[in-house]
Amino acid sequence: MDAEIWVRSADGGWDEPAFFPLADQGYDVWLGNDRGTEYSNVNPRWPNADSNKLWKYKDENYAKYDWSWYDQGKEDLPAVLDKIIEVSGN
């Protein structure tokens, strides 16, 4: 899933979630995306992984998408939290 799930309505339109007013009041609102979604496809470790050259695609994408939920909890979640701390200056 990507973060769009939090702002899309059941009929595919856009809702105004409860956190929008918080953002309007100046609070930081962070929405994360899992690996392999439209919003998380760019990765400096595999800059050509989604190239159109099929002979490259298999090898480069295998490394990019070879992950587990354990990996995501161990690596991705701490990276997101570190980024939030870095950006917020705390």
PDB file of N, CA and C in Angstrom:
ATOM      1  N   MET A   1       0.829  -1.188   0.000  1.00  0.00           N
ATOM      2  CA  MET A   1       0.000   0.000   0.000  1.00  0.00           C
ATOM      3  C   MET A   1       0.867   1.244   0.000  1.00  0.00           C
ATOM      4  N   ASP A   2       0.307   2.283  -0.527  1.00  0.00           N
ATOM      5  CA  ASP A   2       0.970   3.575  -0.426  1.00  0.00           C
ATOM      6  C   ASP A   2       0.085   4.511   0.400  1.00  0.00           C
ATOM      7  N   ALA A   3       0.571   5.686   0.667  1.00  0.00           N
ATOM      8  CA  ALA A   3      -0.106   6.616   1.565  1.00  0.00           C
ATOM      9  C   ALA A   3      -1.431   7.131   1.006  1.00  0.00           C
ATOM     10  N   GLU A   4      -1.673   6.924  -0.273  1.00  0.00           N
ATOM     11  CA  GLU A   4      -2.941   7.380  -0.842  1.00  0.00           C
ATOM     12  C   GLU A   4      -4.146   6.745  -0.165  1.00  0.00           C
ATOM     13  N   ILE A   5      -3.962   5.578   0.403  1.00  0.00           N
ATOM     14  CA  ILE A   5      -5.076   4.880   1.056  1.00  0.00           C
ATOM     15  C   ILE A   5      -5.690   5.726   2.170  1.00  0.00           C
ATOM     16  N   TRP A   6      -4.901   6.607   2.750  1.00  0.00           N
ATOM     17  CA  TRP A   6      -5.378   7.445   3.856  1.00  0.00           C
ATOM     18  C   TRP A   6      -6.196   8.632   3.381  1.00  0.00           C
ATOM     19  N   VAL A   7      -6.128   8.966   2.099  1.00  0.00           N
ATOM     20  CA  VAL A   7      -6.848  10.131   1.600  1.00  0.00           C
ATOM     21  C   VAL A   7      -7.861   9.800   0.508  1.00  0.00           C
ATOM     22  N   ARG A   8      -7.902   8.566   0.069  1.00  0.00           N
ATOM     23  CA  ARG A   8      -8.880   8.158  -0.938  1.00  0.00           C
ATOM     24  C   ARG A   8     -10.155   7.664  -0.262  1.00  0.00           C
ATOM     25  N   SER A   9     -11.291   7.979  -0.844  1.00  0.00           N
ATOM     26  CA  SER A   9     -12.553   7.474  -0.316  1.00  0.00           C
ATOM     27  C   SER A   9     -12.848   6.108  -0.939  1.00  0.00           C
ATOM     28  N   ALA A  10     -13.856   5.449  -0.435  1.00  0.00           N
ATOM     29  CA  ALA A  10     -14.203   4.111  -0.920  1.00  0.00           C
ATOM     30  C   ALA A  10     -14.572   4.114  -2.394  1.00  0.00           C
ATOM     31  N   ASP A  11     -15.114   5.215  -2.893  1.00  0.00           N
ATOM     32  CA  ASP A  11     -15.509   5.277  -4.303  1.00  0.00           C
ATOM     33  C   ASP A  11     -14.391   5.778  -5.214  1.00  0.00           C
ATOM     34  N   GLY A  12     -13.180   5.930  -4.672  1.00  0.00           N
ATOM     35  CA  GLY A  12     -12.042   6.339  -5.479  1.00  0.00           C
ATOM     36  C   GLY A  12     -11.811   7.835  -5.532  1.00  0.00           C
ATOM     37  N   GLY A  13     -12.715   8.606  -4.933  1.00  0.00           N
ATOM     38  CA  GLY A  13     -12.534  10.058  -4.892  1.00  0.00           C
ATOM     39  C   GLY A  13     -11.596  10.444  -3.759  1.00  0.00           C
ATOM     40  N   TRP A  14     -11.556  11.710  -3.482  1.00  0.00           N
ATOM     41  CA  TRP A  14     -10.678  12.213  -2.421  1.00  0.00           C
ATOM     42  C   TRP A  14     -11.514  12.658  -1.239  1.00  0.00           C
ATOM     43  N   ASP A  15     -11.163  12.183  -0.064  1.00  0.00           N
ATOM     44  CA  ASP A  15     -11.793  12.623   1.174  1.00  0.00           C
ATOM     45  C   ASP A  15     -10.893  13.632   1.851  1.00  0.00           C
ATOM     46  N   GLU A  16     -11.423  14.327   2.841  1.00  0.00           N
ATOM     47  CA  GLU A  16     -10.570  15.169   3.672  1.00  0.00           C
ATOM     48  C   GLU A  16     -10.400  14.471   5.010  1.00  0.00           C
ATOM     49  N   PRO A  17      -9.274  13.780   5.171  1.00  0.00           N
ATOM     50  CA  PRO A  17      -9.042  13.060   6.418  1.00  0.00           C
ATOM     51  C   PRO A  17      -8.880  14.005   7.599  1.00  0.00           C
ATOM     52  N   ALA A  18      -9.014  13.445   8.789  1.00  0.00           N
ATOM     53  CA  ALA A  18      -8.929  14.227  10.017  1.00  0.00           C
ATOM     54  C   ALA A  18      -7.580  14.913  10.188  1.00  0.00           C
ATOM     55  N   PHE A  19      -6.528  14.385   9.576  1.00  0.00           N
ATOM     56  CA  PHE A  19      -5.216  14.997   9.788  1.00  0.00           C
ATOM     57  C   PHE A  19      -4.971  16.219   8.900  1.00  0.00           C
ATOM     58  N   PHE A  20      -5.803  16.473   7.907  1.00  0.00           N
ATOM     59  CA  PHE A  20      -5.616  17.672   7.087  1.00  0.00           C
ATOM     60  C   PHE A  20      -5.726  18.958   7.905  1.00  0.00           C
ATOM     61  N   PRO A  21      -6.748  19.080   8.764  1.00  0.00           N
ATOM     62  CA  PRO A  21      -6.801  20.288   9.605  1.00  0.00           C
ATOM     63  C   PRO A  21      -5.570  20.422  10.510  1.00  0.00           C
ATOM     64  N   LEU A  22      -5.022  19.315  10.947  1.00  0.00           N
ATOM     65  CA  LEU A  22      -3.804  19.387  11.758  1.00  0.00           C
ATOM     66  C   LEU A  22      -2.655  19.982  10.950  1.00  0.00           C
ATOM     67  N   ALA A  23      -2.531  19.569   9.704  1.00  0.00           N
ATOM     68  CA  ALA A  23      -1.502  20.142   8.837  1.00  0.00           C
ATOM     69  C   ALA A  23      -1.764  21.628   8.608  1.00  0.00           C
ATOM     70  N   ASP A  24      -3.029  21.995   8.431  1.00  0.00           N
ATOM     71  CA  ASP A  24      -3.379  23.403   8.247  1.00  0.00           C
ATOM     72  C   ASP A  24      -3.029  24.235   9.479  1.00  0.00           C
ATOM     73  N   GLN A  25      -3.037  23.603  10.646  1.00  0.00           N
ATOM     74  CA  GLN A  25      -2.692  24.303  11.892  1.00  0.00           C
ATOM     75  C   GLN A  25      -1.192  24.324  12.150  1.00  0.00           C
ATOM     76  N   GLY A  26      -0.412  23.759  11.227  1.00  0.00           N
ATOM     77  CA  GLY A  26       1.032  23.826  11.350  1.00  0.00           C
ATOM     78  C   GLY A  26       1.698  22.579  11.890  1.00  0.00           C
ATOM     79  N   TYR A  27       0.919  21.544  12.185  1.00  0.00           N
ATOM     80  CA  TYR A  27       1.505  20.296  12.668  1.00  0.00           C
ATOM     81  C   TYR A  27       2.131  19.529  11.497  1.00  0.00           C
ATOM     82  N   ASP A  28       3.202  18.826  11.760  1.00  0.00           N
ATOM     83  CA  ASP A  28       3.786  17.953  10.750  1.00  0.00           C
ATOM     84  C   ASP A  28       2.924  16.710  10.618  1.00  0.00           C
ATOM     85  N   VAL A  29       2.608  16.339   9.397  1.00  0.00           N
ATOM     86  CA  VAL A  29       1.858  15.115   9.118  1.00  0.00           C
ATOM     87  C   VAL A  29       2.697  14.311   8.142  1.00  0.00           C
ATOM     88  N   TRP A  30       3.042  13.109   8.514  1.00  0.00           N
ATOM     89  CA  TRP A  30       3.884  12.246   7.681  1.00  0.00           C
ATOM     90  C   TRP A  30       3.076  11.030   7.246  1.00  0.00           C
ATOM     91  N   LEU A  31       3.127  10.725   5.963  1.00  0.00           N
ATOM     92  CA  LEU A  31       2.480   9.545   5.410  1.00  0.00           C
ATOM     93  C   LEU A  31       3.558   8.712   4.730  1.00  0.00           C
ATOM     94  N   GLY A  32       3.681   7.470   5.118  1.00  0.00           N
ATOM     95  CA  GLY A  32       4.715   6.615   4.553  1.00  0.00           C
ATOM     96  C   GLY A  32       4.191   5.720   3.445  1.00  0.00           C
ATOM     97  N   ASN A  33       5.107   5.224   2.641  1.00  0.00           N
ATOM     98  CA  ASN A  33       4.784   4.306   1.555  1.00  0.00           C
ATOM     99  C   ASN A  33       5.615   3.042   1.697  1.00  0.00           C
ATOM    100  N   ASP A  34       4.984   1.902   1.468  1.00  0.00           N
ATOM    101  CA  ASP A  34       5.729   0.648   1.462  1.00  0.00           C
ATOM    102  C   ASP A  34       6.633   0.595   0.232  1.00  0.00           C
ATOM    103  N   ARG A  35       7.554  -0.337   0.262  1.00  0.00           N
ATOM    104  CA  ARG A  35       8.432  -0.536  -0.895  1.00  0.00           C
ATOM    105  C   ARG A  35       7.622  -0.969  -2.107  1.00  0.00           C
ATOM    106  N   GLY A  36       8.088  -0.570  -3.266  1.00  0.00           N
ATOM    107  CA  GLY A  36       7.482  -1.024  -4.515  1.00  0.00           C
ATOM    108  C   GLY A  36       6.222  -0.300  -4.917  1.00  0.00           C
ATOM    109  N   THR A  37       5.889   0.803  -4.273  1.00  0.00           N
ATOM    110  CA  THR A  37       4.709   1.556  -4.676  1.00  0.00           C
ATOM    111  C   THR A  37       5.111   2.651  -5.655  1.00  0.00           C
ATOM    112  N   GLU A  38       4.139   3.273  -6.245  1.00  0.00           N
ATOM    113  CA  GLU A  38       4.380   4.348  -7.213  1.00  0.00           C
ATOM    114  C   GLU A  38       5.250   5.454  -6.619  1.00  0.00           C
ATOM    115  N   TYR A  39       5.088   5.705  -5.324  1.00  0.00           N
ATOM    116  CA  TYR A  39       5.784   6.823  -4.691  1.00  0.00           C
ATOM    117  C   TYR A  39       7.135   6.441  -4.100  1.00  0.00           C
ATOM    118  N   SER A  40       7.473   5.178  -4.144  1.00  0.00           N
ATOM    119  CA  SER A  40       8.746   4.756  -3.549  1.00  0.00           C
ATOM    120  C   SER A  40       9.636   4.016  -4.540  1.00  0.00           C
ATOM    121  N   ASN A  41       9.392   4.181  -5.808  1.00  0.00           N
ATOM    122  CA  ASN A  41      10.155   3.422  -6.797  1.00  0.00           C
ATOM    123  C   ASN A  41      11.568   3.939  -7.019  1.00  0.00           C
ATOM    124  N   VAL A  42      11.837   5.189  -6.761  1.00  0.00           N
ATOM    125  CA  VAL A  42      13.179   5.719  -6.972  1.00  0.00           C
ATOM    126  C   VAL A  42      14.047   5.342  -5.784  1.00  0.00           C
ATOM    127  N   ASN A  43      15.142   4.650  -6.060  1.00  0.00           N
ATOM    128  CA  ASN A  43      16.047   4.224  -5.004  1.00  0.00           C
ATOM    129  C   ASN A  43      17.470   4.393  -5.510  1.00  0.00           C
ATOM    130  N   PRO A  44      18.284   5.209  -4.825  1.00  0.00           N
ATOM    131  CA  PRO A  44      19.634   5.448  -5.321  1.00  0.00           C
ATOM    132  C   PRO A  44      20.507   4.194  -5.374  1.00  0.00           C
ATOM    133  N   ARG A  45      20.140   3.150  -4.610  1.00  0.00           N
ATOM    134  CA  ARG A  45      20.915   1.906  -4.666  1.00  0.00           C
ATOM    135  C   ARG A  45      20.692   1.157  -5.973  1.00  0.00           C
ATOM    136  N   TRP A  46      19.524   1.371  -6.604  1.00  0.00           N
ATOM    137  CA  TRP A  46      19.193   0.705  -7.867  1.00  0.00           C
ATOM    138  C   TRP A  46      18.612   1.724  -8.836  1.00  0.00           C
ATOM    139  N   PRO A  47      19.430   2.639  -9.341  1.00  0.00           N
ATOM    140  CA  PRO A  47      18.887   3.719 -10.179  1.00  0.00           C
ATOM    141  C   PRO A  47      18.278   3.233 -11.492  1.00  0.00           C
ATOM    142  N   ASN A  48      18.705   2.090 -11.990  1.00  0.00           N
ATOM    143  CA  ASN A  48      18.189   1.601 -13.274  1.00  0.00           C
ATOM    144  C   ASN A  48      17.281   0.387 -13.132  1.00  0.00           C
ATOM    145  N   ALA A  49      16.850   0.106 -11.928  1.00  0.00           N
ATOM    146  CA  ALA A  49      16.105  -1.130 -11.693  1.00  0.00           C
ATOM    147  C   ALA A  49      14.803  -1.197 -12.469  1.00  0.00           C
ATOM    148  N   ASP A  50      14.208  -0.083 -12.755  1.00  0.00           N
ATOM    149  CA  ASP A  50      12.948  -0.102 -13.486  1.00  0.00           C
ATOM    150  C   ASP A  50      13.120   0.333 -14.935  1.00  0.00           C
ATOM    151  N   SER A  51      14.310   0.057 -15.484  1.00  0.00           N
ATOM    152  CA  SER A  51      14.560   0.409 -16.881  1.00  0.00           C
ATOM    153  C   SER A  51      13.734  -0.487 -17.793  1.00  0.00           C
ATOM    154  N   ASN A  52      13.596  -0.072 -19.021  1.00  0.00           N
ATOM    155  CA  ASN A  52      12.812  -0.837 -19.990  1.00  0.00           C
ATOM    156  C   ASN A  52      13.611  -1.938 -20.672  1.00  0.00           C
ATOM    157  N   LYS A  53      14.894  -2.029 -20.375  1.00  0.00           N
ATOM    158  CA  LYS A  53      15.711  -3.077 -20.964  1.00  0.00           C
ATOM    159  C   LYS A  53      15.458  -4.381 -20.200  1.00  0.00           C
ATOM    160  N   LEU A  54      14.722  -5.272 -20.809  1.00  0.00           N
ATOM    161  CA  LEU A  54      14.288  -6.479 -20.113  1.00  0.00           C
ATOM    162  C   LEU A  54      15.446  -7.329 -19.613  1.00  0.00           C
ATOM    163  N   TRP A  55      16.551  -7.350 -20.326  1.00  0.00           N
ATOM    164  CA  TRP A  55      17.678  -8.170 -19.896  1.00  0.00           C
ATOM    165  C   TRP A  55      18.278  -7.624 -18.610  1.00  0.00           C
ATOM    166  N   LYS A  56      18.152  -6.326 -18.359  1.00  0.00           N
ATOM    167  CA  LYS A  56      18.635  -5.734 -17.111  1.00  0.00           C
ATOM    168  C   LYS A  56      17.580  -5.834 -16.011  1.00  0.00           C
ATOM    169  N   TYR A  57      16.326  -5.793 -16.428  1.00  0.00           N
ATOM    170  CA  TYR A  57      15.221  -5.697 -15.474  1.00  0.00           C
ATOM    171  C   TYR A  57      15.244  -6.808 -14.438  1.00  0.00           C
ATOM    172  N   LYS A  58      15.395  -8.036 -14.886  1.00  0.00           N
ATOM    173  CA  LYS A  58      15.330  -9.175 -13.973  1.00  0.00           C
ATOM    174  C   LYS A  58      16.409  -9.101 -12.898  1.00  0.00           C
ATOM    175  N   ASP A  59      17.651  -8.908 -13.274  1.00  0.00           N
ATOM    176  CA  ASP A  59      18.744  -8.882 -12.296  1.00  0.00           C
ATOM    177  C   ASP A  59      18.644  -7.701 -11.351  1.00  0.00           C
ATOM    178  N   GLU A  60      18.379  -6.515 -11.884  1.00  0.00           N
ATOM    179  CA  GLU A  60      18.351  -5.323 -11.050  1.00  0.00           C
ATOM    180  C   GLU A  60      17.119  -5.280 -10.161  1.00  0.00           C
ATOM    181  N   ASN A  61      15.993  -5.736 -10.665  1.00  0.00           N
ATOM    182  CA  ASN A  61      14.784  -5.712  -9.852  1.00  0.00           C
ATOM    183  C   ASN A  61      14.775  -6.797  -8.790  1.00  0.00           C
ATOM    184  N   TYR A  62      15.443  -7.900  -9.053  1.00  0.00           N
ATOM    185  CA  TYR A  62      15.491  -8.940  -8.028  1.00  0.00           C
ATOM    186  C   TYR A  62      16.095  -8.384  -6.748  1.00  0.00           C
ATOM    187  N   ALA A  63      17.206  -7.689  -6.870  1.00  0.00           N
ATOM    188  CA  ALA A  63      17.858  -7.115  -5.693  1.00  0.00           C
ATOM    189  C   ALA A  63      16.979  -6.046  -5.042  1.00  0.00           C
ATOM    190  N   LYS A  64      16.318  -5.269  -5.862  1.00  0.00           N
ATOM    191  CA  LYS A  64      15.493  -4.177  -5.336  1.00  0.00           C
ATOM    192  C   LYS A  64      14.282  -4.694  -4.568  1.00  0.00           C
ATOM    193  N   TYR A  65      13.655  -5.726  -5.079  1.00  0.00           N
ATOM    194  CA  TYR A  65      12.415  -6.208  -4.476  1.00  0.00           C
ATOM    195  C   TYR A  65      12.588  -7.454  -3.613  1.00  0.00           C
ATOM    196  N   ASP A  66      13.826  -7.849  -3.354  1.00  0.00           N
ATOM    197  CA  ASP A  66      14.083  -9.004  -2.498  1.00  0.00           C
ATOM    198  C   ASP A  66      14.107  -8.546  -1.041  1.00  0.00           C
ATOM    199  N   TRP A  67      12.930  -8.430  -0.429  1.00  0.00           N
ATOM    200  CA  TRP A  67      12.821  -7.974   0.947  1.00  0.00           C
ATOM    201  C   TRP A  67      11.684  -8.720   1.636  1.00  0.00           C
ATOM    202  N   SER A  68      11.656  -8.646   2.938  1.00  0.00           N
ATOM    203  CA  SER A  68      10.586  -9.271   3.716  1.00  0.00           C
ATOM    204  C   SER A  68       9.962  -8.208   4.625  1.00  0.00           C
ATOM    205  N   TRP A  69       8.863  -8.559   5.261  1.00  0.00           N
ATOM    206  CA  TRP A  69       8.243  -7.641   6.217  1.00  0.00           C
ATOM    207  C   TRP A  69       9.187  -7.399   7.392  1.00  0.00           C
ATOM    208  N   TYR A  70       9.976  -8.397   7.735  1.00  0.00           N
ATOM    209  CA  TYR A  70      10.979  -8.226   8.785  1.00  0.00           C
ATOM    210  C   TYR A  70      11.983  -7.151   8.372  1.00  0.00           C
ATOM    211  N   ASP A  71      12.463  -7.220   7.118  1.00  0.00           N
ATOM    212  CA  ASP A  71      13.392  -6.209   6.611  1.00  0.00           C
ATOM    213  C   ASP A  71      12.770  -4.811   6.674  1.00  0.00           C
ATOM    214  N   GLN A  72      11.504  -4.749   6.307  1.00  0.00           N
ATOM    215  CA  GLN A  72      10.839  -3.452   6.300  1.00  0.00           C
ATOM    216  C   GLN A  72      10.753  -2.872   7.715  1.00  0.00           C
ATOM    217  N   GLY A  73      10.458  -3.714   8.690  1.00  0.00           N
ATOM    218  CA  GLY A  73      10.401  -3.243  10.073  1.00  0.00           C
ATOM    219  C   GLY A  73      11.772  -2.914  10.641  1.00  0.00           C
ATOM    220  N   LYS A  74      12.760  -3.686  10.241  1.00  0.00           N
ATOM    221  CA  LYS A  74      14.111  -3.499  10.764  1.00  0.00           C
ATOM    222  C   LYS A  74      14.840  -2.335  10.094  1.00  0.00           C
ATOM    223  N   GLU A  75      14.631  -2.129   8.792  1.00  0.00           N
ATOM    224  CA  GLU A  75      15.372  -1.118   8.044  1.00  0.00           C
ATOM    225  C   GLU A  75      14.534   0.107   7.676  1.00  0.00           C
ATOM    226  N   ASP A  76      13.356  -0.120   7.120  1.00  0.00           N
ATOM    227  CA  ASP A  76      12.575   0.988   6.568  1.00  0.00           C
ATOM    228  C   ASP A  76      11.975   1.872   7.658  1.00  0.00           C
ATOM    229  N   LEU A  77      11.355   1.265   8.647  1.00  0.00           N
ATOM    230  CA  LEU A  77      10.722   2.062   9.693  1.00  0.00           C
ATOM    231  C   LEU A  77      11.731   2.938  10.431  1.00  0.00           C
ATOM    232  N   PRO A  78      12.885   2.392  10.863  1.00  0.00           N
ATOM    233  CA  PRO A  78      13.876   3.271  11.488  1.00  0.00           C
ATOM    234  C   PRO A  78      14.371   4.373  10.545  1.00  0.00           C
ATOM    235  N   ALA A  79      14.495   4.071   9.252  1.00  0.00           N
ATOM    236  CA  ALA A  79      14.940   5.090   8.295  1.00  0.00           C
ATOM    237  C   ALA A  79      13.917   6.218   8.188  1.00  0.00           C
ATOM    238  N   VAL A  80      12.638   5.872   8.190  1.00  0.00           N
ATOM    239  CA  VAL A  80      11.586   6.891   8.136  1.00  0.00           C
ATOM    240  C   VAL A  80      11.630   7.750   9.399  1.00  0.00           C
ATOM    241  N   LEU A  81      11.737   7.111  10.548  1.00  0.00           N
ATOM    242  CA  LEU A  81      11.792   7.862  11.803  1.00  0.00           C
ATOM    243  C   LEU A  81      13.032   8.753  11.871  1.00  0.00           C
ATOM    244  N   ASP A  82      14.163   8.240  11.410  1.00  0.00           N
ATOM    245  CA  ASP A  82      15.390   9.052  11.371  1.00  0.00           C
ATOM    246  C   ASP A  82      15.199  10.269  10.462  1.00  0.00           C
ATOM    247  N   LYS A  83      14.528  10.085   9.333  1.00  0.00           N
ATOM    248  CA  LYS A  83      14.289  11.197   8.398  1.00  0.00           C
ATOM    249  C   LYS A  83      13.378  12.250   9.037  1.00  0.00           C
ATOM    250  N   ILE A  84      12.349  11.796   9.720  1.00  0.00           N
ATOM    251  CA  ILE A  84      11.443  12.740  10.390  1.00  0.00           C
ATOM    252  C   ILE A  84      12.201  13.542  11.436  1.00  0.00           C
ATOM    253  N   ILE A  85      13.031  12.870  12.210  1.00  0.00           N
ATOM    254  CA  ILE A  85      13.828  13.565  13.230  1.00  0.00           C
ATOM    255  C   ILE A  85      14.796  14.549  12.587  1.00  0.00           C
ATOM    256  N   GLU A  86      15.437  14.118  11.502  1.00  0.00           N
ATOM    257  CA  GLU A  86      16.390  14.983  10.790  1.00  0.00           C
ATOM    258  C   GLU A  86      15.707  16.245  10.264  1.00  0.00           C
ATOM    259  N   VAL A  87      14.554  16.071   9.621  1.00  0.00           N
ATOM    260  CA  VAL A  87      13.859  17.190   9.014  1.00  0.00           C
ATOM    261  C   VAL A  87      13.257  18.109  10.061  1.00  0.00           C
ATOM    262  N   SER A  88      12.761  17.536  11.143  1.00  0.00           N
ATOM    263  CA  SER A  88      12.118  18.363  12.164  1.00  0.00           C
ATOM    264  C   SER A  88      13.129  19.082  13.049  1.00  0.00           C
ATOM    265  N   GLY A  89      14.391  18.652  12.985  1.00  0.00           N
ATOM    266  CA  GLY A  89      15.429  19.333  13.747  1.00  0.00           C
ATOM    267  C   GLY A  89      15.473  18.964  15.217  1.00  0.00           C
ATOM    268  N   ASN A  90      14.865  17.872  15.573  1.00  0.00           N
ATOM    269  CA  ASN A  90      14.878  17.439  16.986  1.00  0.00           C
ATOM    270  C   ASN A  90      15.992  16.468  17.255  1.00  0.00           C
TER     271      ASN A  90
END
